[in-house]
Amino acid sequence: MPSYKGNQTRICHQGADGNMYVAILRGPEELEQWKEDSSKPLVDVVDSFQVFTTHRQGSTGRLSTASKVELENEFGTCNEDSIIRQLLSVGKVTPHQEHMPNKEF
């Protein structure tokens, strides 16, 4: 899981199966640096070496770890390093803020 809660930068890809595939980034600046020099280590770009899915709830849906079958069907591999590189290349950056409980007035 990501190392922090609160504001996150996600990179999302809408799969052919209708699921949204998500990786958590350290920040948008790190992604831009990686796009300029893809030899930069992934550990400097992503916050977690896990690929998540929202199970057709869009980019703001609840994250759960994508199964190996889902990854294999969508990306042709279950190697998460390879999939994360694909997400970084073709995914869409989406800022996300954890939902806060309603304030009492």
PDB file of N, CA and C in Angstrom:
ATOM      1  N   MET A   1       0.836  -1.183   0.000  1.00  0.00           N
ATOM      2  CA  MET A   1       0.000   0.000   0.000  1.00  0.00           C
ATOM      3  C   MET A   1       0.875   1.238   0.000  1.00  0.00           C
ATOM      4  N   PRO A   2       0.317   2.368  -0.398  1.00  0.00           N
ATOM      5  CA  PRO A   2       1.070   3.606  -0.389  1.00  0.00           C
ATOM      6  C   PRO A   2       1.571   3.937   1.004  1.00  0.00           C
ATOM      7  N   SER A   3       2.672   4.666   1.065  1.00  0.00           N
ATOM      8  CA  SER A   3       3.300   4.955   2.349  1.00  0.00           C
ATOM      9  C   SER A   3       2.622   6.072   3.110  1.00  0.00           C
ATOM     10  N   TYR A   4       1.647   6.728   2.514  1.00  0.00           N
ATOM     11  CA  TYR A   4       0.969   7.818   3.200  1.00  0.00           C
ATOM     12  C   TYR A   4      -0.473   7.870   2.748  1.00  0.00           C
ATOM     13  N   LYS A   5      -1.297   8.581   3.539  1.00  0.00           N
ATOM     14  CA  LYS A   5      -2.679   8.834   3.144  1.00  0.00           C
ATOM     15  C   LYS A   5      -2.810  10.316   2.894  1.00  0.00           C
ATOM     16  N   GLY A   6      -3.952  10.717   2.430  1.00  0.00           N
ATOM     17  CA  GLY A   6      -4.167  12.126   2.149  1.00  0.00           C
ATOM     18  C   GLY A   6      -4.033  12.379   0.671  1.00  0.00           C
ATOM     19  N   ASN A   7      -3.375  13.465   0.319  1.00  0.00           N
ATOM     20  CA  ASN A   7      -3.216  13.802  -1.084  1.00  0.00           C
ATOM     21  C   ASN A   7      -2.299  12.792  -1.768  1.00  0.00           C
ATOM     22  N   GLN A   8      -2.729  12.334  -2.921  1.00  0.00           N
ATOM     23  CA  GLN A   8      -1.958  11.371  -3.697  1.00  0.00           C
ATOM     24  C   GLN A   8      -1.981  11.801  -5.157  1.00  0.00           C
ATOM     25  N   THR A   9      -0.969  11.404  -5.870  1.00  0.00           N
ATOM     26  CA  THR A   9      -0.986  11.537  -7.323  1.00  0.00           C
ATOM     27  C   THR A   9      -1.065  10.131  -7.880  1.00  0.00           C
ATOM     28  N   ARG A  10      -2.109   9.895  -8.644  1.00  0.00           N
ATOM     29  CA  ARG A  10      -2.323   8.580  -9.244  1.00  0.00           C
ATOM     30  C   ARG A  10      -2.083   8.677 -10.743  1.00  0.00           C
ATOM     31  N   ILE A  11      -1.614   7.595 -11.312  1.00  0.00           N
ATOM     32  CA  ILE A  11      -1.582   7.480 -12.765  1.00  0.00           C
ATOM     33  C   ILE A  11      -2.546   6.361 -13.118  1.00  0.00           C
ATOM     34  N   CYS A  12      -3.493   6.665 -13.996  1.00  0.00           N
ATOM     35  CA  CYS A  12      -4.607   5.765 -14.267  1.00  0.00           C
ATOM     36  C   CYS A  12      -4.671   5.396 -15.744  1.00  0.00           C
ATOM     37  N   HIS A  13      -5.133   4.192 -15.987  1.00  0.00           N
ATOM     38  CA  HIS A  13      -5.322   3.696 -17.350  1.00  0.00           C
ATOM     39  C   HIS A  13      -6.630   2.930 -17.402  1.00  0.00           C
ATOM     40  N   GLN A  14      -7.517   3.332 -18.308  1.00  0.00           N
ATOM     41  CA  GLN A  14      -8.790   2.635 -18.493  1.00  0.00           C
ATOM     42  C   GLN A  14      -8.536   1.391 -19.323  1.00  0.00           C
ATOM     43  N   GLY A  15      -8.777   0.236 -18.731  1.00  0.00           N
ATOM     44  CA  GLY A  15      -8.526  -1.020 -19.419  1.00  0.00           C
ATOM     45  C   GLY A  15      -9.622  -1.386 -20.392  1.00  0.00           C
ATOM     46  N   ALA A  16      -9.298  -2.282 -21.307  1.00  0.00           N
ATOM     47  CA  ALA A  16     -10.278  -2.769 -22.280  1.00  0.00           C
ATOM     48  C   ALA A  16     -11.405  -3.527 -21.587  1.00  0.00           C
ATOM     49  N   ASP A  17     -11.123  -4.047 -20.392  1.00  0.00           N
ATOM     50  CA  ASP A  17     -12.124  -4.791 -19.637  1.00  0.00           C
ATOM     51  C   ASP A  17     -13.049  -3.879 -18.830  1.00  0.00           C
ATOM     52  N   GLY A  18     -12.846  -2.554 -18.924  1.00  0.00           N
ATOM     53  CA  GLY A  18     -13.687  -1.603 -18.199  1.00  0.00           C
ATOM     54  C   GLY A  18     -13.137  -1.203 -16.847  1.00  0.00           C
ATOM     55  N   ASN A  19     -12.136  -1.918 -16.361  1.00  0.00           N
ATOM     56  CA  ASN A  19     -11.524  -1.573 -15.072  1.00  0.00           C
ATOM     57  C   ASN A  19     -10.537  -0.428 -15.247  1.00  0.00           C
ATOM     58  N   MET A  20     -10.375   0.366 -14.188  1.00  0.00           N
ATOM     59  CA  MET A  20      -9.364   1.411 -14.146  1.00  0.00           C
ATOM     60  C   MET A  20      -8.168   0.835 -13.405  1.00  0.00           C
ATOM     61  N   TYR A  21      -6.984   0.878 -14.039  1.00  0.00           N
ATOM     62  CA  TYR A  21      -5.754   0.390 -13.416  1.00  0.00           C
ATOM     63  C   TYR A  21      -4.964   1.595 -12.934  1.00  0.00           C
ATOM     64  N   VAL A  22      -4.446   1.503 -11.700  1.00  0.00           N
ATOM     65  CA  VAL A  22      -3.878   2.662 -11.019  1.00  0.00           C
ATOM     66  C   VAL A  22      -2.547   2.302 -10.371  1.00  0.00           C
ATOM     67  N   ALA A  23      -1.595   3.240 -10.461  1.00  0.00           N
ATOM     68  CA  ALA A  23      -0.363   3.188  -9.680  1.00  0.00           C
ATOM     69  C   ALA A  23      -0.266   4.513  -8.931  1.00  0.00           C
ATOM     70  N   ILE A  24       0.348   4.481  -7.756  1.00  0.00           N
ATOM     71  CA  ILE A  24       0.501   5.680  -6.930  1.00  0.00           C
ATOM     72  C   ILE A  24       1.891   6.259  -7.173  1.00  0.00           C
ATOM     73  N   LEU A  25       1.926   7.534  -7.538  1.00  0.00           N
ATOM     74  CA  LEU A  25       3.189   8.216  -7.808  1.00  0.00           C
ATOM     75  C   LEU A  25       3.666   8.973  -6.586  1.00  0.00           C
ATOM     76  N   ARG A  26       4.959   9.234  -6.541  1.00  0.00           N
ATOM     77  CA  ARG A  26       5.509  10.126  -5.510  1.00  0.00           C
ATOM     78  C   ARG A  26       5.052  11.550  -5.765  1.00  0.00           C
ATOM     79  N   GLY A  27       4.905  11.897  -7.043  1.00  0.00           N
ATOM     80  CA  GLY A  27       4.427  13.228  -7.411  1.00  0.00           C
ATOM     81  C   GLY A  27       4.525  13.427  -8.910  1.00  0.00           C
ATOM     82  N   PRO A  28       3.842  14.438  -9.444  1.00  0.00           N
ATOM     83  CA  PRO A  28       3.869  14.664 -10.884  1.00  0.00           C
ATOM     84  C   PRO A  28       5.251  15.078 -11.402  1.00  0.00           C
ATOM     85  N   GLU A  29       6.038  15.739 -10.569  1.00  0.00           N
ATOM     86  CA  GLU A  29       7.375  16.165 -10.996  1.00  0.00           C
ATOM     87  C   GLU A  29       8.267  14.956 -11.282  1.00  0.00           C
ATOM     88  N   GLU A  30       8.165  13.949 -10.435  1.00  0.00           N
ATOM     89  CA  GLU A  30       8.966  12.745 -10.613  1.00  0.00           C
ATOM     90  C   GLU A  30       8.600  12.025 -11.912  1.00  0.00           C
ATOM     91  N   LEU A  31       7.304  12.039 -12.249  1.00  0.00           N
ATOM     92  CA  LEU A  31       6.871  11.424 -13.503  1.00  0.00           C
ATOM     93  C   LEU A  31       7.465  12.172 -14.692  1.00  0.00           C
ATOM     94  N   GLU A  32       7.427  13.481 -14.656  1.00  0.00           N
ATOM     95  CA  GLU A  32       7.980  14.268 -15.759  1.00  0.00           C
ATOM     96  C   GLU A  32       9.479  14.008 -15.914  1.00  0.00           C
ATOM     97  N   GLN A  33      10.185  13.901 -14.788  1.00  0.00           N
ATOM     98  CA  GLN A  33      11.618  13.594 -14.842  1.00  0.00           C
ATOM     99  C   GLN A  33      11.850  12.216 -15.463  1.00  0.00           C
ATOM    100  N   TRP A  34      11.010  11.246 -15.109  1.00  0.00           N
ATOM    101  CA  TRP A  34      11.135   9.896 -15.666  1.00  0.00           C
ATOM    102  C   TRP A  34      10.863   9.904 -17.167  1.00  0.00           C
ATOM    103  N   LYS A  35       9.859  10.689 -17.596  1.00  0.00           N
ATOM    104  CA  LYS A  35       9.549  10.755 -19.029  1.00  0.00           C
ATOM    105  C   LYS A  35      10.701  11.357 -19.819  1.00  0.00           C
ATOM    106  N   GLU A  36      11.448  12.281 -19.196  1.00  0.00           N
ATOM    107  CA  GLU A  36      12.614  12.864 -19.852  1.00  0.00           C
ATOM    108  C   GLU A  36      13.788  11.892 -19.868  1.00  0.00           C
ATOM    109  N   ASP A  37      13.891  11.049 -18.831  1.00  0.00           N
ATOM    110  CA  ASP A  37      14.990  10.095 -18.711  1.00  0.00           C
ATOM    111  C   ASP A  37      14.451   8.812 -18.085  1.00  0.00           C
ATOM    112  N   SER A  38      14.009   7.878 -18.935  1.00  0.00           N
ATOM    113  CA  SER A  38      13.377   6.651 -18.433  1.00  0.00           C
ATOM    114  C   SER A  38      14.365   5.694 -17.777  1.00  0.00           C
ATOM    115  N   SER A  39      15.657   6.043 -17.757  1.00  0.00           N
ATOM    116  CA  SER A  39      16.618   5.218 -17.028  1.00  0.00           C
ATOM    117  C   SER A  39      16.572   5.521 -15.526  1.00  0.00           C
ATOM    118  N   LYS A  40      15.827   6.567 -15.145  1.00  0.00           N
ATOM    119  CA  LYS A  40      15.659   6.900 -13.726  1.00  0.00           C
ATOM    120  C   LYS A  40      14.974   5.725 -13.029  1.00  0.00           C
ATOM    121  N   PRO A  41      15.459   5.314 -11.859  1.00  0.00           N
ATOM    122  CA  PRO A  41      14.866   4.163 -11.167  1.00  0.00           C
ATOM    123  C   PRO A  41      13.390   4.391 -10.819  1.00  0.00           C
ATOM    124  N   LEU A  42      12.583   3.356 -11.007  1.00  0.00           N
ATOM    125  CA  LEU A  42      11.157   3.449 -10.695  1.00  0.00           C
ATOM    126  C   LEU A  42      10.906   3.782  -9.236  1.00  0.00           C
ATOM    127  N   VAL A  43      11.809   3.372  -8.358  1.00  0.00           N
ATOM    128  CA  VAL A  43      11.637   3.636  -6.933  1.00  0.00           C
ATOM    129  C   VAL A  43      11.599   5.147  -6.653  1.00  0.00           C
ATOM    130  N   ASP A  44      12.178   5.943  -7.561  1.00  0.00           N
ATOM    131  CA  ASP A  44      12.149   7.397  -7.412  1.00  0.00           C
ATOM    132  C   ASP A  44      10.877   8.013  -7.983  1.00  0.00           C
ATOM    133  N   VAL A  45      10.056   7.204  -8.648  1.00  0.00           N
ATOM    134  CA  VAL A  45       8.874   7.714  -9.341  1.00  0.00           C
ATOM    135  C   VAL A  45       7.578   7.258  -8.674  1.00  0.00           C
ATOM    136  N   VAL A  46       7.513   5.988  -8.318  1.00  0.00           N
ATOM    137  CA  VAL A  46       6.280   5.452  -7.735  1.00  0.00           C
ATOM    138  C   VAL A  46       6.415   5.303  -6.226  1.00  0.00           C
ATOM    139  N   ASP A  47       5.274   5.377  -5.564  1.00  0.00           N
ATOM    140  CA  ASP A  47       5.264   5.246  -4.118  1.00  0.00           C
ATOM    141  C   ASP A  47       5.136   3.789  -3.686  1.00  0.00           C
ATOM    142  N   SER A  48       4.634   2.958  -4.585  1.00  0.00           N
ATOM    143  CA  SER A  48       4.403   1.556  -4.269  1.00  0.00           C
ATOM    144  C   SER A  48       4.546   0.735  -5.540  1.00  0.00           C
ATOM    145  N   PHE A  49       5.130  -0.440  -5.434  1.00  0.00           N
ATOM    146  CA  PHE A  49       5.266  -1.320  -6.593  1.00  0.00           C
ATOM    147  C   PHE A  49       4.074  -2.259  -6.679  1.00  0.00           C
ATOM    148  N   GLN A  50       2.890  -1.678  -6.578  1.00  0.00           N
ATOM    149  CA  GLN A  50       1.655  -2.435  -6.713  1.00  0.00           C
ATOM    150  C   GLN A  50       0.793  -1.759  -7.757  1.00  0.00           C
ATOM    151  N   VAL A  51       0.029  -2.559  -8.463  1.00  0.00           N
ATOM    152  CA  VAL A  51      -0.954  -2.049  -9.412  1.00  0.00           C
ATOM    153  C   VAL A  51      -2.320  -2.314  -8.794  1.00  0.00           C
ATOM    154  N   PHE A  52      -3.133  -1.275  -8.776  1.00  0.00           N
ATOM    155  CA  PHE A  52      -4.461  -1.358  -8.174  1.00  0.00           C
ATOM    156  C   PHE A  52      -5.519  -1.266  -9.253  1.00  0.00           C
ATOM    157  N   THR A  53      -6.728  -1.661  -8.900  1.00  0.00           N
ATOM    158  CA  THR A  53      -7.884  -1.483  -9.766  1.00  0.00           C
ATOM    159  C   THR A  53      -9.023  -0.912  -8.932  1.00  0.00           C
ATOM    160  N   THR A  54      -9.926  -0.222  -9.608  1.00  0.00           N
ATOM    161  CA  THR A  54     -11.091   0.339  -8.909  1.00  0.00           C
ATOM    162  C   THR A  54     -12.362  -0.433  -9.245  1.00  0.00           C
ATOM    163  N   HIS A  55     -12.232  -1.513  -9.987  1.00  0.00           N
ATOM    164  CA  HIS A  55     -13.363  -2.369 -10.360  1.00  0.00           C
ATOM    165  C   HIS A  55     -14.529  -1.565 -10.919  1.00  0.00           C
ATOM    166  N   ARG A  56     -14.230  -0.838 -11.987  1.00  0.00           N
ATOM    167  CA  ARG A  56     -15.226  -0.089 -12.763  1.00  0.00           C
ATOM    168  C   ARG A  56     -15.866   1.057 -11.980  1.00  0.00           C
ATOM    169  N   GLN A  57     -15.140   1.619 -11.015  1.00  0.00           N
ATOM    170  CA  GLN A  57     -15.650   2.756 -10.257  1.00  0.00           C
ATOM    171  C   GLN A  57     -14.949   4.056 -10.651  1.00  0.00           C
ATOM    172  N   GLY A  58     -14.231   4.071 -11.773  1.00  0.00           N
ATOM    173  CA  GLY A  58     -13.540   5.279 -12.214  1.00  0.00           C
ATOM    174  C   GLY A  58     -12.259   5.516 -11.441  1.00  0.00           C
ATOM    175  N   SER A  59     -11.606   6.641 -11.728  1.00  0.00           N
ATOM    176  CA  SER A  59     -10.301   6.913 -11.124  1.00  0.00           C
ATOM    177  C   SER A  59     -10.381   7.273  -9.657  1.00  0.00           C
ATOM    178  N   THR A  60     -11.567   7.594  -9.162  1.00  0.00           N
ATOM    179  CA  THR A  60     -11.699   7.967  -7.748  1.00  0.00           C
ATOM    180  C   THR A  60     -12.313   6.864  -6.904  1.00  0.00           C
ATOM    181  N   GLY A  61     -12.523   5.690  -7.484  1.00  0.00           N
ATOM    182  CA  GLY A  61     -13.115   4.587  -6.742  1.00  0.00           C
ATOM    183  C   GLY A  61     -12.152   4.000  -5.720  1.00  0.00           C
ATOM    184  N   ARG A  62     -12.673   3.127  -4.910  1.00  0.00           N
ATOM    185  CA  ARG A  62     -11.877   2.465  -3.883  1.00  0.00           C
ATOM    186  C   ARG A  62     -10.860   1.534  -4.533  1.00  0.00           C
ATOM    187  N   LEU A  63      -9.623   1.627  -4.083  1.00  0.00           N
ATOM    188  CA  LEU A  63      -8.548   0.817  -4.665  1.00  0.00           C
ATOM    189  C   LEU A  63      -8.474  -0.555  -4.021  1.00  0.00           C
ATOM    190  N   SER A  64      -8.262  -1.555  -4.866  1.00  0.00           N
ATOM    191  CA  SER A  64      -7.916  -2.886  -4.380  1.00  0.00           C
ATOM    192  C   SER A  64      -6.807  -3.410  -5.291  1.00  0.00           C
ATOM    193  N   THR A  65      -5.998  -4.285  -4.759  1.00  0.00           N
ATOM    194  CA  THR A  65      -4.882  -4.815  -5.526  1.00  0.00           C
ATOM    195  C   THR A  65      -5.415  -5.630  -6.703  1.00  0.00           C
ATOM    196  N   ALA A  66      -4.905  -5.335  -7.894  1.00  0.00           N
ATOM    197  CA  ALA A  66      -5.315  -6.076  -9.085  1.00  0.00           C
ATOM    198  C   ALA A  66      -4.787  -7.504  -9.008  1.00  0.00           C
ATOM    199  N   SER A  67      -5.611  -8.445  -9.410  1.00  0.00           N
ATOM    200  CA  SER A  67      -5.194  -9.846  -9.381  1.00  0.00           C
ATOM    201  C   SER A  67      -4.244 -10.127 -10.545  1.00  0.00           C
ATOM    202  N   LYS A  68      -3.489 -11.204 -10.423  1.00  0.00           N
ATOM    203  CA  LYS A  68      -2.573 -11.607 -11.495  1.00  0.00           C
ATOM    204  C   LYS A  68      -3.346 -11.902 -12.781  1.00  0.00           C
ATOM    205  N   VAL A  69      -4.533 -12.471 -12.654  1.00  0.00           N
ATOM    206  CA  VAL A  69      -5.356 -12.775 -13.832  1.00  0.00           C
ATOM    207  C   VAL A  69      -5.781 -11.483 -14.519  1.00  0.00           C
ATOM    208  N   GLU A  70      -6.222 -10.488 -13.743  1.00  0.00           N
ATOM    209  CA  GLU A  70      -6.610  -9.201 -14.338  1.00  0.00           C
ATOM    210  C   GLU A  70      -5.423  -8.561 -15.061  1.00  0.00           C
ATOM    211  N   LEU A  71      -4.256  -8.580 -14.423  1.00  0.00           N
ATOM    212  CA  LEU A  71      -3.065  -7.982 -15.025  1.00  0.00           C
ATOM    213  C   LEU A  71      -2.657  -8.713 -16.296  1.00  0.00           C
ATOM    214  N   GLU A  72      -2.666 -10.041 -16.241  1.00  0.00           N
ATOM    215  CA  GLU A  72      -2.295 -10.849 -17.409  1.00  0.00           C
ATOM    216  C   GLU A  72      -3.260 -10.601 -18.564  1.00  0.00           C
ATOM    217  N   ASN A  73      -4.553 -10.539 -18.273  1.00  0.00           N
ATOM    218  CA  ASN A  73      -5.552 -10.320 -19.323  1.00  0.00           C
ATOM    219  C   ASN A  73      -5.425  -8.931 -19.941  1.00  0.00           C
ATOM    220  N   GLU A  74      -5.152  -7.929 -19.136  1.00  0.00           N
ATOM    221  CA  GLU A  74      -5.102  -6.550 -19.638  1.00  0.00           C
ATOM    222  C   GLU A  74      -3.756  -6.191 -20.266  1.00  0.00           C
ATOM    223  N   PHE A  75      -2.656  -6.589 -19.626  1.00  0.00           N
ATOM    224  CA  PHE A  75      -1.334  -6.128 -20.043  1.00  0.00           C
ATOM    225  C   PHE A  75      -0.478  -7.220 -20.695  1.00  0.00           C
ATOM    226  N   GLY A  76      -0.964  -8.452 -20.675  1.00  0.00           N
ATOM    227  CA  GLY A  76      -0.200  -9.544 -21.270  1.00  0.00           C
ATOM    228  C   GLY A  76       0.927 -10.044 -20.390  1.00  0.00           C
ATOM    229  N   THR A  77       0.985  -9.568 -19.158  1.00  0.00           N
ATOM    230  CA  THR A  77       2.001  -9.984 -18.181  1.00  0.00           C
ATOM    231  C   THR A  77       1.453  -9.697 -16.785  1.00  0.00           C
ATOM    232  N   CYS A  78       2.042 -10.363 -15.805  1.00  0.00           N
ATOM    233  CA  CYS A  78       1.702 -10.032 -14.419  1.00  0.00           C
ATOM    234  C   CYS A  78       2.917  -9.430 -13.703  1.00  0.00           C
ATOM    235  N   ASN A  79       3.960  -9.093 -14.478  1.00  0.00           N
ATOM    236  CA  ASN A  79       5.149  -8.444 -13.929  1.00  0.00           C
ATOM    237  C   ASN A  79       4.814  -6.980 -13.656  1.00  0.00           C
ATOM    238  N   GLU A  80       4.703  -6.620 -12.375  1.00  0.00           N
ATOM    239  CA  GLU A  80       4.240  -5.286 -12.015  1.00  0.00           C
ATOM    240  C   GLU A  80       5.222  -4.189 -12.414  1.00  0.00           C
ATOM    241  N   ASP A  81       6.525  -4.467 -12.446  1.00  0.00           N
ATOM    242  CA  ASP A  81       7.489  -3.462 -12.923  1.00  0.00           C
ATOM    243  C   ASP A  81       7.193  -3.094 -14.373  1.00  0.00           C
ATOM    244  N   SER A  82       6.972  -4.103 -15.201  1.00  0.00           N
ATOM    245  CA  SER A  82       6.661  -3.872 -16.607  1.00  0.00           C
ATOM    246  C   SER A  82       5.342  -3.122 -16.765  1.00  0.00           C
ATOM    247  N   ILE A  83       4.350  -3.500 -15.980  1.00  0.00           N
ATOM    248  CA  ILE A  83       3.037  -2.855 -16.053  1.00  0.00           C
ATOM    249  C   ILE A  83       3.132  -1.403 -15.599  1.00  0.00           C
ATOM    250  N   ILE A  84       3.878  -1.149 -14.532  1.00  0.00           N
ATOM    251  CA  ILE A  84       4.037   0.223 -14.055  1.00  0.00           C
ATOM    252  C   ILE A  84       4.703   1.083 -15.127  1.00  0.00           C
ATOM    253  N   ARG A  85       5.699   0.546 -15.812  1.00  0.00           N
ATOM    254  CA  ARG A  85       6.320   1.295 -16.922  1.00  0.00           C
ATOM    255  C   ARG A  85       5.288   1.621 -18.008  1.00  0.00           C
ATOM    256  N   GLN A  86       4.411   0.661 -18.312  1.00  0.00           N
ATOM    257  CA  GLN A  86       3.354   0.918 -19.287  1.00  0.00           C
ATOM    258  C   GLN A  86       2.410   2.008 -18.794  1.00  0.00           C
ATOM    259  N   LEU A  87       2.036   1.935 -17.513  1.00  0.00           N
ATOM    260  CA  LEU A  87       1.144   2.953 -16.952  1.00  0.00           C
ATOM    261  C   LEU A  87       1.791   4.336 -17.004  1.00  0.00           C
ATOM    262  N   LEU A  88       3.077   4.413 -16.670  1.00  0.00           N
ATOM    263  CA  LEU A  88       3.779   5.689 -16.700  1.00  0.00           C
ATOM    264  C   LEU A  88       3.825   6.254 -18.118  1.00  0.00           C
ATOM    265  N   SER A  89       3.910   5.387 -19.107  1.00  0.00           N
ATOM    266  CA  SER A  89       4.006   5.827 -20.493  1.00  0.00           C
ATOM    267  C   SER A  89       2.670   6.282 -21.074  1.00  0.00           C
ATOM    268  N   VAL A  90       1.591   5.571 -20.758  1.00  0.00           N
ATOM    269  CA  VAL A  90       0.315   5.852 -21.423  1.00  0.00           C
ATOM    270  C   VAL A  90      -0.794   6.321 -20.489  1.00  0.00           C
ATOM    271  N   GLY A  91      -0.564   6.246 -19.179  1.00  0.00           N
ATOM    272  CA  GLY A  91      -1.608   6.592 -18.230  1.00  0.00           C
ATOM    273  C   GLY A  91      -1.854   8.090 -18.118  1.00  0.00           C
ATOM    274  N   LYS A  92      -2.939   8.423 -17.462  1.00  0.00           N
ATOM    275  CA  LYS A  92      -3.329   9.807 -17.235  1.00  0.00           C
ATOM    276  C   LYS A  92      -3.117  10.138 -15.754  1.00  0.00           C
ATOM    277  N   VAL A  93      -2.431  11.241 -15.482  1.00  0.00           N
ATOM    278  CA  VAL A  93      -2.171  11.656 -14.103  1.00  0.00           C
ATOM    279  C   VAL A  93      -3.451  12.232 -13.513  1.00  0.00           C
ATOM    280  N   THR A  94      -3.789  11.767 -12.310  1.00  0.00           N
ATOM    281  CA  THR A  94      -4.996  12.212 -11.634  1.00  0.00           C
ATOM    282  C   THR A  94      -4.675  12.527 -10.185  1.00  0.00           C
ATOM    283  N   PRO A  95      -4.784  13.800  -9.776  1.00  0.00           N
ATOM    284  CA  PRO A  95      -4.629  14.094  -8.342  1.00  0.00           C
ATOM    285  C   PRO A  95      -5.805  13.483  -7.587  1.00  0.00           C
ATOM    286  N   HIS A  96      -5.565  13.078  -6.371  1.00  0.00           N
ATOM    287  CA  HIS A  96      -6.617  12.450  -5.578  1.00  0.00           C
ATOM    288  C   HIS A  96      -6.455  12.861  -4.124  1.00  0.00           C
ATOM    289  N   GLN A  97      -7.556  13.159  -3.494  1.00  0.00           N
ATOM    290  CA  GLN A  97      -7.533  13.470  -2.072  1.00  0.00           C
ATOM    291  C   GLN A  97      -8.442  12.492  -1.358  1.00  0.00           C
ATOM    292  N   GLU A  98      -7.911  11.887  -0.294  1.00  0.00           N
ATOM    293  CA  GLU A  98      -8.713  10.959   0.490  1.00  0.00           C
ATOM    294  C   GLU A  98      -9.963  11.675   0.988  1.00  0.00           C
ATOM    295  N   HIS A  99     -11.060  10.974   1.004  1.00  0.00           N
ATOM    296  CA  HIS A  99     -12.299  11.557   1.479  1.00  0.00           C
ATOM    297  C   HIS A  99     -12.228  11.767   2.988  1.00  0.00           C
ATOM    298  N   MET A 100     -12.580  12.948   3.388  1.00  0.00           N
ATOM    299  CA  MET A 100     -12.550  13.290   4.808  1.00  0.00           C
ATOM    300  C   MET A 100     -13.971  13.122   5.358  1.00  0.00           C
ATOM    301  N   PRO A 101     -14.105  12.753   6.644  1.00  0.00           N
ATOM    302  CA  PRO A 101     -15.426  12.665   7.228  1.00  0.00           C
ATOM    303  C   PRO A 101     -16.115  14.034   7.185  1.00  0.00           C
ATOM    304  N   ASN A 102     -17.442  14.002   7.130  1.00  0.00           N
ATOM    305  CA  ASN A 102     -18.188  15.263   7.120  1.00  0.00           C
ATOM    306  C   ASN A 102     -17.952  16.036   8.390  1.00  0.00           C
ATOM    307  N   LYS A 103     -17.808  17.330   8.247  1.00  0.00           N
ATOM    308  CA  LYS A 103     -17.638  18.179   9.428  1.00  0.00           C
ATOM    309  C   LYS A 103     -18.978  18.402  10.089  1.00  0.00           C
ATOM    310  N   GLU A 104     -18.979  18.494  11.387  1.00  0.00           N
ATOM    311  CA  GLU A 104     -20.194  18.804  12.110  1.00  0.00           C
ATOM    312  C   GLU A 104     -20.304  20.311  12.241  1.00  0.00           C
ATOM    313  N   PHE A 105     -21.491  20.843  11.995  1.00  0.00           N
ATOM    314  CA  PHE A 105     -21.699  22.285  12.109  1.00  0.00           C
ATOM    315  C   PHE A 105     -22.510  22.623  13.315  1.00  0.00           C
TER     316      PHE A 105
END
